């Protein structure tokens, strides 16, 4: 859940424009984390009010998209924060992608399977029946031996 609505962000940007108060001053006034208003301002300048809209879904990024972002950052004279703001991403996302790419190439950018690996192998019903039959035959043989 996001903490700040689009209306609040736009109101704060409007107050920044109207009053001439510094970004740091407004962040202190509204108890915002450091550089929050700066990020909103950058996104607002690049994308307009639509850039400040709330997203209600988790985005998934392809390897191709990640490579394009890394390529754009490395080949152009722009900061990671500018690349992130222009595509409405977090700076940390691009930094992580860059680090993974430098360490393991494009293979490292592929999504990993989530969760704990299964301890049991996948077994079909046919295999389960065979094992069950062997065990029941073994039990029957042991019972007859006991008699």
C-alpha atoms as a PDB file:
ATOM      1  CA  UNK A   1       0.000   0.000   0.000  1.00  0.00           C
ATOM      2  CA  UNK A   2       1.315   3.431  -0.853  1.00  0.00           C
ATOM      3  CA  UNK A   3       1.515   6.123   1.744  1.00  0.00           C
ATOM      4  CA  UNK A   4       0.761   9.169  -0.378  1.00  0.00           C
ATOM      5  CA  UNK A   5      -2.059   9.750  -2.859  1.00  0.00           C
ATOM      6  CA  UNK A   6      -1.654  11.365  -6.245  1.00  0.00           C
ATOM      7  CA  UNK A   7      -3.674  14.364  -5.021  1.00  0.00           C
ATOM      8  CA  UNK A   8      -1.329  14.874  -2.060  1.00  0.00           C
ATOM      9  CA  UNK A   9       1.725  14.719  -4.322  1.00  0.00           C
ATOM     10  CA  UNK A  10       0.214  17.193  -6.785  1.00  0.00           C
ATOM     11  CA  UNK A  11      -0.834  19.547  -3.952  1.00  0.00           C
ATOM     12  CA  UNK A  12       2.689  19.468  -2.555  1.00  0.00           C
ATOM     13  CA  UNK A  13       4.214  20.208  -5.972  1.00  0.00           C
ATOM     14  CA  UNK A  14       1.747  23.074  -6.414  1.00  0.00           C
ATOM     15  CA  UNK A  15       2.694  24.444  -2.988  1.00  0.00           C
ATOM     16  CA  UNK A  16       6.365  24.167  -3.981  1.00  0.00           C
ATOM     17  CA  UNK A  17       5.665  26.200  -7.131  1.00  0.00           C
ATOM     18  CA  UNK A  18       3.448  28.799  -5.416  1.00  0.00           C
ATOM     19  CA  UNK A  19       5.321  29.520  -2.200  1.00  0.00           C
ATOM     20  CA  UNK A  20       8.893  29.317  -3.403  1.00  0.00           C
ATOM     21  CA  UNK A  21       9.718  27.312  -0.285  1.00  0.00           C
ATOM     22  CA  UNK A  22      12.592  24.851  -0.774  1.00  0.00           C
ATOM     23  CA  UNK A  23      11.999  21.135  -1.257  1.00  0.00           C
ATOM     24  CA  UNK A  24      13.782  20.387   2.016  1.00  0.00           C
ATOM     25  CA  UNK A  25      11.573  22.914   3.847  1.00  0.00           C
ATOM     26  CA  UNK A  26       8.392  21.250   2.552  1.00  0.00           C
ATOM     27  CA  UNK A  27       9.738  17.778   3.367  1.00  0.00           C
ATOM     28  CA  UNK A  28      10.321  18.911   6.955  1.00  0.00           C
ATOM     29  CA  UNK A  29       6.906  20.599   7.126  1.00  0.00           C
ATOM     30  CA  UNK A  30       5.072  17.408   6.049  1.00  0.00           C
ATOM     31  CA  UNK A  31       7.521  14.961   7.697  1.00  0.00           C
ATOM     32  CA  UNK A  32       8.526  13.344   4.419  1.00  0.00           C
ATOM     33  CA  UNK A  33      11.670  11.259   3.965  1.00  0.00           C
ATOM     34  CA  UNK A  34      14.681  13.064   2.512  1.00  0.00           C
ATOM     35  CA  UNK A  35      14.579  13.670  -1.280  1.00  0.00           C
ATOM     36  CA  UNK A  36      10.981  12.411  -1.615  1.00  0.00           C
ATOM     37  CA  UNK A  37       9.714  15.689  -3.047  1.00  0.00           C
ATOM     38  CA  UNK A  38      12.753  15.847  -5.331  1.00  0.00           C
ATOM     39  CA  UNK A  39      11.820  12.451  -6.812  1.00  0.00           C
ATOM     40  CA  UNK A  40       8.181  13.487  -7.239  1.00  0.00           C
ATOM     41  CA  UNK A  41       9.266  16.745  -8.849  1.00  0.00           C
ATOM     42  CA  UNK A  42      11.539  14.936 -11.329  1.00  0.00           C
ATOM     43  CA  UNK A  43       8.790  12.460 -12.268  1.00  0.00           C
ATOM     44  CA  UNK A  44       6.288  15.317 -12.582  1.00  0.00           C
ATOM     45  CA  UNK A  45       8.610  17.222 -14.930  1.00  0.00           C
ATOM     46  CA  UNK A  46       9.255  14.167 -17.102  1.00  0.00           C
ATOM     47  CA  UNK A  47       5.834  12.493 -17.153  1.00  0.00           C
ATOM     48  CA  UNK A  48       3.397  15.096 -15.876  1.00  0.00           C
ATOM     49  CA  UNK A  49       0.602  14.335 -13.375  1.00  0.00           C
ATOM     50  CA  UNK A  50       0.154  10.842 -14.846  1.00  0.00           C
ATOM     51  CA  UNK A  51       3.605   9.907 -13.587  1.00  0.00           C
ATOM     52  CA  UNK A  52       2.485  10.393  -9.985  1.00  0.00           C
ATOM     53  CA  UNK A  53      -0.493   8.037 -10.326  1.00  0.00           C
ATOM     54  CA  UNK A  54      -0.722   5.107  -7.945  1.00  0.00           C
ATOM     55  CA  UNK A  55      -0.078   1.634  -9.331  1.00  0.00           C
ATOM     56  CA  UNK A  56      -2.189  -1.171  -7.931  1.00  0.00           C
ATOM     57  CA  UNK A  57      -0.279  -4.061  -9.431  1.00  0.00           C
ATOM     58  CA  UNK A  58       3.195  -5.522  -9.279  1.00  0.00           C
ATOM     59  CA  UNK A  59       5.120  -4.924 -12.466  1.00  0.00           C
ATOM     60  CA  UNK A  60       7.294  -7.602 -14.030  1.00  0.00           C
ATOM     61  CA  UNK A  61      10.199  -6.591 -16.216  1.00  0.00           C
ATOM     62  CA  UNK A  62      11.607  -8.630 -19.077  1.00  0.00           C
ATOM     63  CA  UNK A  63      15.319  -9.261 -19.522  1.00  0.00           C
ATOM     64  CA  UNK A  64      15.172  -7.155 -22.702  1.00  0.00           C
ATOM     65  CA  UNK A  65      13.741  -4.168 -20.793  1.00  0.00           C
ATOM     66  CA  UNK A  66      16.386  -4.476 -18.070  1.00  0.00           C
ATOM     67  CA  UNK A  67      19.138  -4.605 -20.698  1.00  0.00           C
ATOM     68  CA  UNK A  68      17.724  -1.515 -22.431  1.00  0.00           C
ATOM     69  CA  UNK A  69      17.764   0.418 -19.141  1.00  0.00           C
ATOM     70  CA  UNK A  70      21.354  -0.644 -18.402  1.00  0.00           C
ATOM     71  CA  UNK A  71      22.406   0.176 -21.962  1.00  0.00           C
ATOM     72  CA  UNK A  72      20.738   3.601 -21.775  1.00  0.00           C
ATOM     73  CA  UNK A  73      22.480   4.384 -18.480  1.00  0.00           C
ATOM     74  CA  UNK A  74      25.917   3.241 -19.674  1.00  0.00           C
ATOM     75  CA  UNK A  75      25.816   4.878 -23.135  1.00  0.00           C
ATOM     76  CA  UNK A  76      24.280   8.229 -22.186  1.00  0.00           C
ATOM     77  CA  UNK A  77      25.611  10.807 -19.808  1.00  0.00           C
ATOM     78  CA  UNK A  78      22.702  10.626 -17.330  1.00  0.00           C
ATOM     79  CA  UNK A  79      22.404   9.606 -13.720  1.00  0.00           C
ATOM     80  CA  UNK A  80      20.625   6.491 -12.506  1.00  0.00           C
ATOM     81  CA  UNK A  81      18.008   8.699 -10.865  1.00  0.00           C
ATOM     82  CA  UNK A  82      17.190  10.367 -14.213  1.00  0.00           C
ATOM     83  CA  UNK A  83      16.861   6.985 -15.943  1.00  0.00           C
ATOM     84  CA  UNK A  84      14.676   5.734 -13.094  1.00  0.00           C
ATOM     85  CA  UNK A  85      12.471   8.828 -13.097  1.00  0.00           C
ATOM     86  CA  UNK A  86      11.989   8.788 -16.859  1.00  0.00           C
ATOM     87  CA  UNK A  87      10.655   5.221 -16.719  1.00  0.00           C
ATOM     88  CA  UNK A  88       8.960   5.515 -13.292  1.00  0.00           C
ATOM     89  CA  UNK A  89      11.298   3.003 -11.645  1.00  0.00           C
ATOM     90  CA  UNK A  90      13.224   2.979  -8.404  1.00  0.00           C
ATOM     91  CA  UNK A  91      16.918   3.899  -8.525  1.00  0.00           C
ATOM     92  CA  UNK A  92      17.650   0.778  -6.516  1.00  0.00           C
ATOM     93  CA  UNK A  93      16.060  -1.413  -9.204  1.00  0.00           C
ATOM     94  CA  UNK A  94      18.405  -0.128 -11.877  1.00  0.00           C
ATOM     95  CA  UNK A  95      21.388  -0.342  -9.509  1.00  0.00           C
ATOM     96  CA  UNK A  96      20.593  -3.974  -8.718  1.00  0.00           C
ATOM     97  CA  UNK A  97      20.134  -4.818 -12.405  1.00  0.00           C
ATOM     98  CA  UNK A  98      23.448  -3.121 -13.211  1.00  0.00           C
ATOM     99  CA  UNK A  99      25.274  -5.016 -10.450  1.00  0.00           C
ATOM    100  CA  UNK A 100      23.777  -8.348 -11.553  1.00  0.00           C
ATOM    101  CA  UNK A 101      24.688  -7.621 -15.165  1.00  0.00           C
ATOM    102  CA  UNK A 102      28.286  -6.738 -14.270  1.00  0.00           C
ATOM    103  CA  UNK A 103      28.666  -9.934 -12.223  1.00  0.00           C
ATOM    104  CA  UNK A 104      26.832 -12.475 -14.369  1.00  0.00           C
ATOM    105  CA  UNK A 105      25.886 -10.960 -17.711  1.00  0.00           C
ATOM    106  CA  UNK A 106      22.395 -11.104 -19.160  1.00  0.00           C
ATOM    107  CA  UNK A 107      21.811 -14.579 -17.663  1.00  0.00           C
ATOM    108  CA  UNK A 108      21.830 -13.023 -14.186  1.00  0.00           C
ATOM    109  CA  UNK A 109      18.888 -10.777 -15.150  1.00  0.00           C
ATOM    110  CA  UNK A 110      16.571 -13.707 -15.836  1.00  0.00           C
ATOM    111  CA  UNK A 111      13.846 -14.209 -13.220  1.00  0.00           C
ATOM    112  CA  UNK A 112      14.521 -16.866 -10.606  1.00  0.00           C
ATOM    113  CA  UNK A 113      12.010 -19.454  -9.477  1.00  0.00           C
ATOM    114  CA  UNK A 114      10.495 -18.433  -6.144  1.00  0.00           C
ATOM    115  CA  UNK A 115      10.054 -20.567  -3.053  1.00  0.00           C
ATOM    116  CA  UNK A 116      11.745 -23.530  -1.482  1.00  0.00           C
ATOM    117  CA  UNK A 117      12.615 -26.428  -3.776  1.00  0.00           C
ATOM    118  CA  UNK A 118      10.502 -29.522  -3.336  1.00  0.00           C
ATOM    119  CA  UNK A 119      12.078 -32.328  -1.298  1.00  0.00           C
ATOM    120  CA  UNK A 120       9.881 -34.957  -2.885  1.00  0.00           C
ATOM    121  CA  UNK A 121      10.123 -35.818  -6.527  1.00  0.00           C
ATOM    122  CA  UNK A 122       7.018 -35.519  -8.649  1.00  0.00           C
ATOM    123  CA  UNK A 123       5.405 -38.917  -8.833  1.00  0.00           C
ATOM    124  CA  UNK A 124       2.649 -40.048 -11.144  1.00  0.00           C
ATOM    125  CA  UNK A 125      -0.280 -42.151  -9.968  1.00  0.00           C
ATOM    126  CA  UNK A 126       1.060 -45.107 -11.943  1.00  0.00           C
ATOM    127  CA  UNK A 127       4.421 -44.933 -10.151  1.00  0.00           C
ATOM    128  CA  UNK A 128       2.686 -44.599  -6.786  1.00  0.00           C
ATOM    129  CA  UNK A 129       0.573 -47.701  -7.481  1.00  0.00           C
ATOM    130  CA  UNK A 130       3.687 -49.723  -8.401  1.00  0.00           C
ATOM    131  CA  UNK A 131       5.469 -48.717  -5.195  1.00  0.00           C
ATOM    132  CA  UNK A 132       2.357 -49.432  -3.132  1.00  0.00           C
ATOM    133  CA  UNK A 133       1.994 -52.876  -4.754  1.00  0.00           C
ATOM    134  CA  UNK A 134       5.655 -53.723  -4.068  1.00  0.00           C
ATOM    135  CA  UNK A 135       5.300 -52.664  -0.438  1.00  0.00           C
ATOM    136  CA  UNK A 136       2.069 -54.619   0.051  1.00  0.00           C
ATOM    137  CA  UNK A 137       3.677 -57.706  -1.574  1.00  0.00           C
ATOM    138  CA  UNK A 138       6.659 -57.322   0.759  1.00  0.00           C
ATOM    139  CA  UNK A 139       4.366 -57.036   3.793  1.00  0.00           C
ATOM    140  CA  UNK A 140       2.402 -60.072   2.690  1.00  0.00           C
ATOM    141  CA  UNK A 141       5.645 -62.060   2.307  1.00  0.00           C
ATOM    142  CA  UNK A 142       6.794 -61.022   5.798  1.00  0.00           C
ATOM    143  CA  UNK A 143       3.422 -61.992   7.299  1.00  0.00           C
ATOM    144  CA  UNK A 144       3.560 -65.422   5.673  1.00  0.00           C
ATOM    145  CA  UNK A 145       7.120 -65.860   6.961  1.00  0.00           C
ATOM    146  CA  UNK A 146       5.988 -64.966  10.486  1.00  0.00           C
ATOM    147  CA  UNK A 147       3.212 -67.576  10.339  1.00  0.00           C
END
